[in-house]
Amino acid sequence: MDNVQNTSVPLYGKAEPNTAKTTMSVREMRQLLGLGKTESYWLLHKNCFETILINDKTRIVISSFEKWYANQVKYHKVNGPPPGEELCKQSYSVPDAAEILKVNVETVYALIRQGKLKTETVDFCMRIPKEEFERWYRSQSRYRTAADRERDREIEAQTISIPEMAKLLGIPREKVYWILDCKKYRDCFVIERVADRRRVTKASFEAWLFSQSTYQVQPQAEDVPEEPPLKLQSPKSGKYYSFQEIQDFYGISRTTLVTWIREEGIPTIDVGRAKRVRKDVFDDVLKSKRKVEGDT
């Protein structure tokens, strides 16, 4: 709001009418926000809100003050509603975005550093425009909101994936894609999408199965017992893994680890000649790539 212009309205000694208070003094503004004199005059110097002169004294136009207050989050009224009402309608803070996605804030900062999420700065605070967040969210399938995860679970219970269909019929996935797209069969299937991946409803699959004789469900081999999930380990330092700890705990090669750090934006620090990896961020990445239990 730096483009707000001050206007001078000399009233030749006449005091402002008491019937409808439209301005307040700098001192009143300072008390309202619990500020010191220097910081309050700094806000005036920045032209954050409109001011006028009455009896040669600067007064702040209350409507412009409230508009400024609703579009920033740095300053809080001592007794009053929280700031940023209008700002929060248009953008998210980094913690807001982390809560929506159910990840930690470091993961959101990593997305920002990678250029996947664009931000703007409002009064020295980083904000993510909601339109930008929605654009990014629609472009990816890894991160999901709580509502979408619940919706996905409901859809998954009523559908089968392409790999599952291929396994049932004993054919390659490429053949399943051909079946779904060929003119002869494509109208037989009802397709749902989960995380931008096609899934076939069980009802339409069964109807198609009985409508033709070329493909049949094949006897399934006994399932090989699944390997037990990995258990998250605690590094010696508590907050940071060493590269060797990750390799020993999870059987991940150094090459794979370096690739993950680069592609996932995992924060590292230098300790002497060695690097350390943020445990909480690495654990999130590991959970997304492997079957993992909670912390030990």
C-alpha atoms as a PDB file:
ATOM      1  CA  MET A   1       0.000   0.000   0.000  1.00  0.00           C
ATOM      2  CA  ASP A   2       2.997   2.287  -0.517  1.00  0.00           C
ATOM      3  CA  ASN A   3       1.155   4.177  -3.228  1.00  0.00           C
ATOM      4  CA  VAL A   4      -1.351   5.777  -0.822  1.00  0.00           C
ATOM      5  CA  GLN A   5      -0.951   9.565  -1.015  1.00  0.00           C
ATOM      6  CA  ASN A   6      -1.162  11.925   1.952  1.00  0.00           C
ATOM      7  CA  THR A   7      -3.692  14.717   1.593  1.00  0.00           C
ATOM      8  CA  SER A   8      -3.612  17.962   3.496  1.00  0.00           C
ATOM      9  CA  VAL A   9      -6.984  19.439   4.489  1.00  0.00           C
ATOM     10  CA  PRO A  10      -6.496  22.686   6.453  1.00  0.00           C
ATOM     11  CA  LEU A  11      -9.542  23.429   8.600  1.00  0.00           C
ATOM     12  CA  TYR A  12      -8.323  26.819   9.903  1.00  0.00           C
ATOM     13  CA  GLY A  13      -8.445  25.862  13.535  1.00  0.00           C
ATOM     14  CA  LYS A  14     -11.788  24.074  13.450  1.00  0.00           C
ATOM     15  CA  ALA A  15     -11.837  20.801  15.322  1.00  0.00           C
ATOM     16  CA  GLU A  16     -13.186  17.675  13.669  1.00  0.00           C
ATOM     17  CA  PRO A  17     -16.891  17.075  14.451  1.00  0.00           C
ATOM     18  CA  ASN A  18     -17.581  14.426  17.106  1.00  0.00           C
ATOM     19  CA  THR A  19     -20.670  13.076  15.382  1.00  0.00           C
ATOM     20  CA  ALA A  20     -18.826  10.590  13.179  1.00  0.00           C
ATOM     21  CA  LYS A  21     -15.200   9.919  13.986  1.00  0.00           C
ATOM     22  CA  THR A  22     -13.359   9.173  10.763  1.00  0.00           C
ATOM     23  CA  THR A  23      -9.775   9.792  11.879  1.00  0.00           C
ATOM     24  CA  MET A  24      -7.507   9.043  14.814  1.00  0.00           C
ATOM     25  CA  SER A  25      -4.313  10.523  16.126  1.00  0.00           C
ATOM     26  CA  VAL A  26      -0.890   8.929  15.711  1.00  0.00           C
ATOM     27  CA  ARG A  27      -0.864   8.321  19.450  1.00  0.00           C
ATOM     28  CA  GLU A  28      -4.183   6.454  19.240  1.00  0.00           C
ATOM     29  CA  MET A  29      -2.809   4.311  16.428  1.00  0.00           C
ATOM     30  CA  ARG A  30       0.308   3.616  18.457  1.00  0.00           C
ATOM     31  CA  GLN A  31      -1.728   2.523  21.477  1.00  0.00           C
ATOM     32  CA  LEU A  32      -4.068   0.464  19.311  1.00  0.00           C
ATOM     33  CA  LEU A  33      -1.148  -1.581  17.959  1.00  0.00           C
ATOM     34  CA  GLY A  34       1.041  -1.443  21.075  1.00  0.00           C
ATOM     35  CA  LEU A  35       3.909   0.215  19.197  1.00  0.00           C
ATOM     36  CA  GLY A  36       6.703   2.532  20.184  1.00  0.00           C
ATOM     37  CA  LYS A  37       6.886   6.050  18.813  1.00  0.00           C
ATOM     38  CA  THR A  38       9.664   5.259  16.305  1.00  0.00           C
ATOM     39  CA  GLU A  39       7.853   2.303  14.727  1.00  0.00           C
ATOM     40  CA  SER A  40       4.542   4.159  14.539  1.00  0.00           C
ATOM     41  CA  TYR A  41       6.139   7.058  12.666  1.00  0.00           C
ATOM     42  CA  TRP A  42       7.926   4.537  10.435  1.00  0.00           C
ATOM     43  CA  LEU A  43       4.493   3.268   9.345  1.00  0.00           C
ATOM     44  CA  LEU A  44       3.486   6.847   8.565  1.00  0.00           C
ATOM     45  CA  HIS A  45       6.672   7.366   6.577  1.00  0.00           C
ATOM     46  CA  LYS A  46       5.913   4.227   4.545  1.00  0.00           C
ATOM     47  CA  ASN A  47       2.483   5.681   3.667  1.00  0.00           C
ATOM     48  CA  CYS A  48       0.763   2.512   4.836  1.00  0.00           C
ATOM     49  CA  PHE A  49      -2.481   4.405   5.297  1.00  0.00           C
ATOM     50  CA  GLU A  50      -3.990   7.754   4.367  1.00  0.00           C
ATOM     51  CA  THR A  51      -3.386  10.762   6.603  1.00  0.00           C
ATOM     52  CA  ILE A  52      -4.735  14.316   6.751  1.00  0.00           C
ATOM     53  CA  LEU A  53      -3.767  17.443   8.678  1.00  0.00           C
ATOM     54  CA  ILE A  54      -6.152  18.900  11.239  1.00  0.00           C
ATOM     55  CA  ASN A  55      -4.979  21.887  13.254  1.00  0.00           C
ATOM     56  CA  ASP A  56      -1.481  21.225  11.859  1.00  0.00           C
ATOM     57  CA  LYS A  57      -1.496  17.733  13.415  1.00  0.00           C
ATOM     58  CA  THR A  58      -1.341  14.509  11.457  1.00  0.00           C
ATOM     59  CA  ARG A  59      -4.376  12.286  11.769  1.00  0.00           C
ATOM     60  CA  ILE A  60      -4.941   8.852  10.267  1.00  0.00           C
ATOM     61  CA  VAL A  61      -8.040   8.073   8.202  1.00  0.00           C
ATOM     62  CA  ILE A  62      -9.622   5.147  10.037  1.00  0.00           C
ATOM     63  CA  SER A  63     -11.051   3.476   6.926  1.00  0.00           C
ATOM     64  CA  SER A  64      -7.628   3.385   5.275  1.00  0.00           C
ATOM     65  CA  PHE A  65      -6.077   2.083   8.500  1.00  0.00           C
ATOM     66  CA  GLU A  66      -8.598  -0.788   8.660  1.00  0.00           C
ATOM     67  CA  LYS A  67      -7.982  -1.619   4.996  1.00  0.00           C
ATOM     68  CA  TRP A  68      -4.239  -1.776   5.654  1.00  0.00           C
ATOM     69  CA  TYR A  69      -4.791  -3.854   8.804  1.00  0.00           C
ATOM     70  CA  ALA A  70      -6.883  -6.415   6.889  1.00  0.00           C
ATOM     71  CA  ASN A  71      -4.144  -6.830   4.264  1.00  0.00           C
ATOM     72  CA  GLN A  72      -1.120  -7.475   6.494  1.00  0.00           C
ATOM     73  CA  VAL A  73      -0.219  -9.947   9.256  1.00  0.00           C
ATOM     74  CA  LYS A  74       2.786  -8.367  10.963  1.00  0.00           C
ATOM     75  CA  TYR A  75       0.995  -5.937  13.289  1.00  0.00           C
ATOM     76  CA  HIS A  76      -1.700  -6.982  15.770  1.00  0.00           C
ATOM     77  CA  LYS A  77      -4.165  -4.854  17.671  1.00  0.00           C
ATOM     78  CA  VAL A  78      -3.687  -5.010  21.426  1.00  0.00           C
ATOM     79  CA  ASN A  79      -7.401  -5.657  21.874  1.00  0.00           C
ATOM     80  CA  GLY A  80      -9.197  -6.487  18.675  1.00  0.00           C
ATOM     81  CA  PRO A  81      -9.620  -8.966  15.844  1.00  0.00           C
ATOM     82  CA  PRO A  82      -6.546 -10.615  14.296  1.00  0.00           C
ATOM     83  CA  PRO A  83      -4.991  -8.940  11.247  1.00  0.00           C
ATOM     84  CA  GLY A  84      -4.962 -10.079   7.635  1.00  0.00           C
ATOM     85  CA  GLU A  85      -8.642 -10.879   7.101  1.00  0.00           C
ATOM     86  CA  GLU A  86      -8.526  -9.823   3.446  1.00  0.00           C
ATOM     87  CA  LEU A  87      -4.979 -11.108   2.928  1.00  0.00           C
ATOM     88  CA  CYS A  88      -5.961 -14.569   4.182  1.00  0.00           C
ATOM     89  CA  LYS A  89      -8.799 -14.690   1.659  1.00  0.00           C
ATOM     90  CA  GLN A  90      -6.277 -14.320  -1.157  1.00  0.00           C
ATOM     91  CA  SER A  91      -3.183 -16.197   0.022  1.00  0.00           C
ATOM     92  CA  TYR A  92      -1.740 -18.815   2.396  1.00  0.00           C
ATOM     93  CA  SER A  93       1.152 -18.559   4.792  1.00  0.00           C
ATOM     94  CA  VAL A  94       3.761 -21.341   4.617  1.00  0.00           C
ATOM     95  CA  PRO A  95       2.360 -22.967   7.818  1.00  0.00           C
ATOM     96  CA  ASP A  96      -1.146 -22.744   6.281  1.00  0.00           C
ATOM     97  CA  ALA A  97       0.012 -24.644   3.183  1.00  0.00           C
ATOM     98  CA  ALA A  98       1.830 -27.222   5.319  1.00  0.00           C
ATOM     99  CA  GLU A  99      -1.347 -27.847   7.331  1.00  0.00           C
ATOM    100  CA  ILE A 100      -3.451 -28.256   4.173  1.00  0.00           C
ATOM    101  CA  LEU A 101      -1.035 -30.846   2.778  1.00  0.00           C
ATOM    102  CA  LYS A 102      -0.302 -32.463   6.176  1.00  0.00           C
ATOM    103  CA  VAL A 103       3.458 -32.012   5.762  1.00  0.00           C
ATOM    104  CA  ASN A 104       6.024 -30.041   7.731  1.00  0.00           C
ATOM    105  CA  VAL A 105       6.923 -26.475   6.797  1.00  0.00           C
ATOM    106  CA  GLU A 106      10.370 -27.541   5.535  1.00  0.00           C
ATOM    107  CA  THR A 107       8.665 -29.550   2.799  1.00  0.00           C
ATOM    108  CA  VAL A 108       6.762 -26.453   1.665  1.00  0.00           C
ATOM    109  CA  TYR A 109       9.951 -24.369   1.743  1.00  0.00           C
ATOM    110  CA  ALA A 110      11.620 -27.061  -0.395  1.00  0.00           C
ATOM    111  CA  LEU A 111       8.813 -26.763  -2.970  1.00  0.00           C
ATOM    112  CA  ILE A 112       9.320 -22.988  -2.987  1.00  0.00           C
ATOM    113  CA  ARG A 113      13.097 -23.319  -3.446  1.00  0.00           C
ATOM    114  CA  GLN A 114      12.517 -25.724  -6.343  1.00  0.00           C
ATOM    115  CA  GLY A 115      10.303 -23.126  -8.038  1.00  0.00           C
ATOM    116  CA  LYS A 116       7.211 -25.326  -7.852  1.00  0.00           C
ATOM    117  CA  LEU A 117       5.352 -22.877  -5.617  1.00  0.00           C
ATOM    118  CA  LYS A 118       5.526 -19.161  -6.323  1.00  0.00           C
ATOM    119  CA  THR A 119       5.278 -16.679  -3.473  1.00  0.00           C
ATOM    120  CA  GLU A 120       4.900 -12.975  -2.810  1.00  0.00           C
ATOM    121  CA  THR A 121       6.174 -10.925   0.112  1.00  0.00           C
ATOM    122  CA  VAL A 122       3.748  -8.860   2.193  1.00  0.00           C
ATOM    123  CA  ASP A 123       5.300  -6.772   4.981  1.00  0.00           C
ATOM    124  CA  PHE A 124       8.381  -9.037   4.970  1.00  0.00           C
ATOM    125  CA  CYS A 125       6.185 -12.159   5.287  1.00  0.00           C
ATOM    126  CA  MET A 126       6.175 -14.863   2.615  1.00  0.00           C
ATOM    127  CA  ARG A 127       2.706 -15.637   1.243  1.00  0.00           C
ATOM    128  CA  ILE A 128       1.497 -18.142  -1.365  1.00  0.00           C
ATOM    129  CA  PRO A 129      -1.342 -16.774  -3.541  1.00  0.00           C
ATOM    130  CA  LYS A 130      -4.284 -19.172  -3.449  1.00  0.00           C
ATOM    131  CA  GLU A 131      -4.587 -19.163  -7.237  1.00  0.00           C
ATOM    132  CA  GLU A 132      -0.913 -20.136  -7.495  1.00  0.00           C
ATOM    133  CA  PHE A 133      -1.336 -22.882  -4.871  1.00  0.00           C
ATOM    134  CA  GLU A 134      -4.352 -24.327  -6.709  1.00  0.00           C
ATOM    135  CA  ARG A 135      -2.490 -24.213 -10.043  1.00  0.00           C
ATOM    136  CA  TRP A 136       0.439 -26.151  -8.563  1.00  0.00           C
ATOM    137  CA  TYR A 137      -1.835 -28.581  -6.716  1.00  0.00           C
ATOM    138  CA  ARG A 138      -3.698 -29.502  -9.903  1.00  0.00           C
ATOM    139  CA  SER A 139      -0.381 -30.034 -11.737  1.00  0.00           C
ATOM    140  CA  GLN A 140       0.891 -32.762  -9.393  1.00  0.00           C
ATOM    141  CA  SER A 141      -0.346 -35.916  -7.681  1.00  0.00           C
ATOM    142  CA  ARG A 142       2.141 -36.604  -4.898  1.00  0.00           C
ATOM    143  CA  TYR A 143       0.722 -34.249  -2.276  1.00  0.00           C
ATOM    144  CA  ARG A 144      -2.945 -34.543  -1.312  1.00  0.00           C
ATOM    145  CA  THR A 145      -5.320 -32.589   0.902  1.00  0.00           C
ATOM    146  CA  ALA A 146      -7.218 -34.418   3.647  1.00  0.00           C
ATOM    147  CA  ALA A 147     -10.461 -34.137   1.660  1.00  0.00           C
ATOM    148  CA  ASP A 148      -8.843 -35.562  -1.467  1.00  0.00           C
ATOM    149  CA  ARG A 149      -7.221 -38.415   0.472  1.00  0.00           C
ATOM    150  CA  GLU A 150     -10.625 -39.368   1.870  1.00  0.00           C
ATOM    151  CA  ARG A 151     -12.201 -39.135  -1.583  1.00  0.00           C
ATOM    152  CA  ASP A 152      -9.350 -41.208  -3.037  1.00  0.00           C
ATOM    153  CA  ARG A 153      -9.902 -43.969  -0.474  1.00  0.00           C
ATOM    154  CA  GLU A 154     -13.589 -44.164  -1.382  1.00  0.00           C
ATOM    155  CA  ILE A 155     -12.809 -44.370  -5.102  1.00  0.00           C
ATOM    156  CA  GLU A 156     -10.040 -46.926  -4.601  1.00  0.00           C
ATOM    157  CA  ALA A 157     -12.455 -49.225  -2.746  1.00  0.00           C
ATOM    158  CA  GLN A 158     -14.734 -49.317  -5.804  1.00  0.00           C
ATOM    159  CA  THR A 159     -12.099 -49.508  -8.551  1.00  0.00           C
ATOM    160  CA  ILE A 160      -9.038 -51.416  -9.717  1.00  0.00           C
ATOM    161  CA  SER A 161      -5.798 -49.939 -11.008  1.00  0.00           C
ATOM    162  CA  ILE A 162      -4.210 -50.656 -14.390  1.00  0.00           C
ATOM    163  CA  PRO A 163      -1.536 -52.921 -12.801  1.00  0.00           C
ATOM    164  CA  GLU A 164      -4.258 -54.791 -10.877  1.00  0.00           C
ATOM    165  CA  MET A 165      -6.264 -55.324 -14.069  1.00  0.00           C
ATOM    166  CA  ALA A 166      -3.148 -56.569 -15.878  1.00  0.00           C
ATOM    167  CA  LYS A 167      -2.415 -59.003 -13.053  1.00  0.00           C
ATOM    168  CA  LEU A 168      -6.002 -60.342 -13.014  1.00  0.00           C
ATOM    169  CA  LEU A 169      -5.966 -60.972 -16.775  1.00  0.00           C
ATOM    170  CA  GLY A 170      -2.369 -62.181 -16.900  1.00  0.00           C
ATOM    171  CA  ILE A 171      -1.388 -59.668 -19.584  1.00  0.00           C
ATOM    172  CA  PRO A 172       1.130 -56.800 -19.805  1.00  0.00           C
ATOM    173  CA  ARG A 173       0.063 -53.325 -18.759  1.00  0.00           C
ATOM    174  CA  GLU A 174       0.504 -52.114 -22.343  1.00  0.00           C
ATOM    175  CA  LYS A 175      -2.232 -54.540 -23.392  1.00  0.00           C
ATOM    176  CA  VAL A 176      -4.555 -53.156 -20.705  1.00  0.00           C
ATOM    177  CA  TYR A 177      -3.995 -49.639 -22.004  1.00  0.00           C
ATOM    178  CA  TRP A 178      -4.833 -50.902 -25.505  1.00  0.00           C
ATOM    179  CA  ILE A 179      -8.051 -52.531 -24.252  1.00  0.00           C
ATOM    180  CA  LEU A 180      -9.145 -49.343 -22.486  1.00  0.00           C
ATOM    181  CA  ASP A 181      -8.436 -47.170 -25.518  1.00  0.00           C
ATOM    182  CA  CYS A 182      -9.530 -49.391 -28.401  1.00  0.00           C
ATOM    183  CA  LYS A 183     -12.807 -48.582 -30.117  1.00  0.00           C
ATOM    184  CA  LYS A 184     -14.224 -52.068 -29.517  1.00  0.00           C
ATOM    185  CA  TYR A 185     -14.058 -51.946 -25.720  1.00  0.00           C
ATOM    186  CA  ARG A 186     -13.574 -48.375 -24.565  1.00  0.00           C
ATOM    187  CA  ASP A 187     -17.299 -47.700 -24.089  1.00  0.00           C
ATOM    188  CA  CYS A 188     -17.537 -50.691 -21.730  1.00  0.00           C
ATOM    189  CA  PHE A 189     -15.443 -49.150 -18.986  1.00  0.00           C
ATOM    190  CA  VAL A 190     -16.204 -46.453 -16.447  1.00  0.00           C
ATOM    191  CA  ILE A 191     -12.969 -44.659 -15.622  1.00  0.00           C
ATOM    192  CA  GLU A 192     -12.220 -42.806 -12.381  1.00  0.00           C
ATOM    193  CA  ARG A 193      -9.050 -40.878 -11.638  1.00  0.00           C
ATOM    194  CA  VAL A 194      -7.057 -40.942  -8.413  1.00  0.00           C
ATOM    195  CA  ALA A 195      -3.980 -38.720  -8.228  1.00  0.00           C
ATOM    196  CA  ASP A 196      -4.307 -38.299 -12.008  1.00  0.00           C
ATOM    197  CA  ARG A 197      -4.099 -42.071 -12.597  1.00  0.00           C
ATOM    198  CA  ARG A 198      -6.846 -44.000 -14.343  1.00  0.00           C
ATOM    199  CA  ARG A 199      -8.749 -46.633 -12.394  1.00  0.00           C
ATOM    200  CA  VAL A 200     -11.536 -48.888 -13.695  1.00  0.00           C
ATOM    201  CA  THR A 201     -14.691 -49.357 -11.646  1.00  0.00           C
ATOM    202  CA  LYS A 202     -15.105 -52.943 -10.487  1.00  0.00           C
ATOM    203  CA  ALA A 203     -18.682 -53.050 -11.757  1.00  0.00           C
ATOM    204  CA  SER A 204     -17.727 -52.025 -15.317  1.00  0.00           C
ATOM    205  CA  PHE A 205     -14.752 -54.417 -15.319  1.00  0.00           C
ATOM    206  CA  GLU A 206     -16.971 -57.352 -14.364  1.00  0.00           C
ATOM    207  CA  ALA A 207     -19.606 -56.371 -16.957  1.00  0.00           C
ATOM    208  CA  TRP A 208     -16.930 -56.183 -19.677  1.00  0.00           C
ATOM    209  CA  LEU A 209     -15.399 -59.467 -18.551  1.00  0.00           C
ATOM    210  CA  PHE A 210     -18.673 -61.379 -19.061  1.00  0.00           C
ATOM    211  CA  SER A 211     -19.437 -59.576 -22.352  1.00  0.00           C
ATOM    212  CA  GLN A 212     -16.478 -61.094 -24.220  1.00  0.00           C
ATOM    213  CA  SER A 213     -14.482 -64.336 -24.341  1.00  0.00           C
ATOM    214  CA  THR A 214     -11.022 -63.197 -25.430  1.00  0.00           C
ATOM    215  CA  TYR A 215      -9.781 -62.271 -21.970  1.00  0.00           C
ATOM    216  CA  GLN A 216     -10.428 -64.153 -18.750  1.00  0.00           C
ATOM    217  CA  VAL A 217      -9.301 -63.825 -15.175  1.00  0.00           C
ATOM    218  CA  GLN A 218      -6.265 -66.018 -14.663  1.00  0.00           C
ATOM    219  CA  PRO A 219      -5.577 -68.182 -11.607  1.00  0.00           C
ATOM    220  CA  GLN A 220      -3.492 -66.112  -9.272  1.00  0.00           C
ATOM    221  CA  ALA A 221      -0.255 -67.395  -7.845  1.00  0.00           C
ATOM    222  CA  GLU A 222       0.030 -67.445  -4.103  1.00  0.00           C
ATOM    223  CA  ASP A 223       0.975 -64.061  -2.843  1.00  0.00           C
ATOM    224  CA  VAL A 224       4.526 -63.769  -1.648  1.00  0.00           C
ATOM    225  CA  PRO A 225       4.514 -62.460   1.911  1.00  0.00           C
ATOM    226  CA  GLU A 226       5.258 -58.762   1.947  1.00  0.00           C
ATOM    227  CA  GLU A 227       8.480 -57.610   3.446  1.00  0.00           C
ATOM    228  CA  PRO A 228       7.925 -55.942   6.812  1.00  0.00           C
ATOM    229  CA  PRO A 229       7.847 -52.151   6.607  1.00  0.00           C
ATOM    230  CA  LEU A 230      10.937 -50.155   7.374  1.00  0.00           C
ATOM    231  CA  LYS A 231      11.070 -48.649  10.844  1.00  0.00           C
ATOM    232  CA  LEU A 232      12.236 -45.071  11.131  1.00  0.00           C
ATOM    233  CA  GLN A 233      15.470 -44.845  13.071  1.00  0.00           C
ATOM    234  CA  SER A 234      16.821 -42.175  15.385  1.00  0.00           C
ATOM    235  CA  PRO A 235      20.181 -40.684  14.354  1.00  0.00           C
ATOM    236  CA  LYS A 236      22.888 -40.180  16.957  1.00  0.00           C
ATOM    237  CA  SER A 237      22.615 -36.395  16.651  1.00  0.00           C
ATOM    238  CA  GLY A 238      18.815 -36.531  17.121  1.00  0.00           C
ATOM    239  CA  LYS A 239      17.959 -34.040  14.358  1.00  0.00           C
ATOM    240  CA  TYR A 240      20.290 -34.959  11.484  1.00  0.00           C
ATOM    241  CA  TYR A 241      21.219 -38.232   9.791  1.00  0.00           C
ATOM    242  CA  SER A 242      24.712 -38.835   8.517  1.00  0.00           C
ATOM    243  CA  PHE A 243      24.925 -40.314   5.022  1.00  0.00           C
ATOM    244  CA  GLN A 244      26.311 -43.530   6.482  1.00  0.00           C
ATOM    245  CA  GLU A 245      23.443 -43.827   8.963  1.00  0.00           C
ATOM    246  CA  ILE A 246      20.903 -43.641   6.139  1.00  0.00           C
ATOM    247  CA  GLN A 247      22.793 -46.231   4.112  1.00  0.00           C
ATOM    248  CA  ASP A 248      23.032 -48.577   7.128  1.00  0.00           C
ATOM    249  CA  PHE A 249      19.463 -48.042   8.426  1.00  0.00           C
ATOM    250  CA  TYR A 250      17.577 -48.281   5.146  1.00  0.00           C
ATOM    251  CA  GLY A 251      19.861 -49.990   2.635  1.00  0.00           C
ATOM    252  CA  ILE A 252      19.919 -46.970   0.341  1.00  0.00           C
ATOM    253  CA  SER A 253      22.952 -46.453  -1.843  1.00  0.00           C
ATOM    254  CA  ARG A 254      24.878 -43.208  -1.672  1.00  0.00           C
ATOM    255  CA  THR A 255      24.016 -42.492  -5.318  1.00  0.00           C
ATOM    256  CA  THR A 256      20.281 -42.889  -4.610  1.00  0.00           C
ATOM    257  CA  LEU A 257      20.566 -40.697  -1.521  1.00  0.00           C
ATOM    258  CA  VAL A 258      22.351 -37.908  -3.418  1.00  0.00           C
ATOM    259  CA  THR A 259      19.675 -38.110  -6.144  1.00  0.00           C
ATOM    260  CA  TRP A 260      16.867 -37.819  -3.571  1.00  0.00           C
ATOM    261  CA  ILE A 261      18.548 -34.826  -1.919  1.00  0.00           C
ATOM    262  CA  ARG A 262      18.814 -33.050  -5.271  1.00  0.00           C
ATOM    263  CA  GLU A 263      15.370 -33.921  -6.643  1.00  0.00           C
ATOM    264  CA  GLU A 264      13.389 -33.587  -3.402  1.00  0.00           C
ATOM    265  CA  GLY A 265      15.198 -30.499  -2.092  1.00  0.00           C
ATOM    266  CA  ILE A 266      16.173 -32.180   1.206  1.00  0.00           C
ATOM    267  CA  PRO A 267      18.054 -29.664   3.414  1.00  0.00           C
ATOM    268  CA  THR A 268      21.623 -30.582   4.431  1.00  0.00           C
ATOM    269  CA  ILE A 269      24.258 -28.996   6.634  1.00  0.00           C
ATOM    270  CA  ASP A 270      28.047 -29.292   6.607  1.00  0.00           C
ATOM    271  CA  VAL A 271      29.700 -30.684   9.733  1.00  0.00           C
ATOM    272  CA  GLY A 272      33.421 -30.556   9.148  1.00  0.00           C
ATOM    273  CA  ARG A 273      34.020 -32.330   5.844  1.00  0.00           C
ATOM    274  CA  ALA A 274      30.815 -34.397   6.101  1.00  0.00           C
ATOM    275  CA  LYS A 275      27.207 -33.563   5.286  1.00  0.00           C
ATOM    276  CA  ARG A 276      24.196 -34.184   7.487  1.00  0.00           C
ATOM    277  CA  VAL A 277      20.579 -34.626   6.325  1.00  0.00           C
ATOM    278  CA  ARG A 278      17.516 -33.203   8.088  1.00  0.00           C
ATOM    279  CA  LYS A 279      15.774 -36.191   9.723  1.00  0.00           C
ATOM    280  CA  ASP A 280      12.172 -34.904   9.547  1.00  0.00           C
ATOM    281  CA  VAL A 281      12.385 -33.969   5.859  1.00  0.00           C
ATOM    282  CA  PHE A 282      14.183 -37.189   4.888  1.00  0.00           C
ATOM    283  CA  ASP A 283      11.596 -39.247   6.811  1.00  0.00           C
ATOM    284  CA  ASP A 284       8.792 -37.606   4.790  1.00  0.00           C
ATOM    285  CA  VAL A 285      10.565 -38.428   1.532  1.00  0.00           C
ATOM    286  CA  LEU A 286      11.215 -42.006   2.665  1.00  0.00           C
ATOM    287  CA  LYS A 287       7.542 -42.481   3.591  1.00  0.00           C
ATOM    288  CA  SER A 288       6.513 -41.360   0.123  1.00  0.00           C
ATOM    289  CA  LYS A 289       8.845 -43.871  -1.532  1.00  0.00           C
ATOM    290  CA  ARG A 290       8.786 -46.875   0.793  1.00  0.00           C
ATOM    291  CA  LYS A 291       6.405 -48.659   3.149  1.00  0.00           C
ATOM    292  CA  VAL A 292       7.412 -47.174   6.485  1.00  0.00           C
ATOM    293  CA  GLU A 293       6.252 -47.475  10.089  1.00  0.00           C
ATOM    294  CA  GLY A 294       6.248 -44.593  12.566  1.00  0.00           C
ATOM    295  CA  ASP A 295       9.169 -43.413  14.664  1.00  0.00           C
ATOM    296  CA  THR A 296      10.770 -45.938  16.921  1.00  0.00           C
END
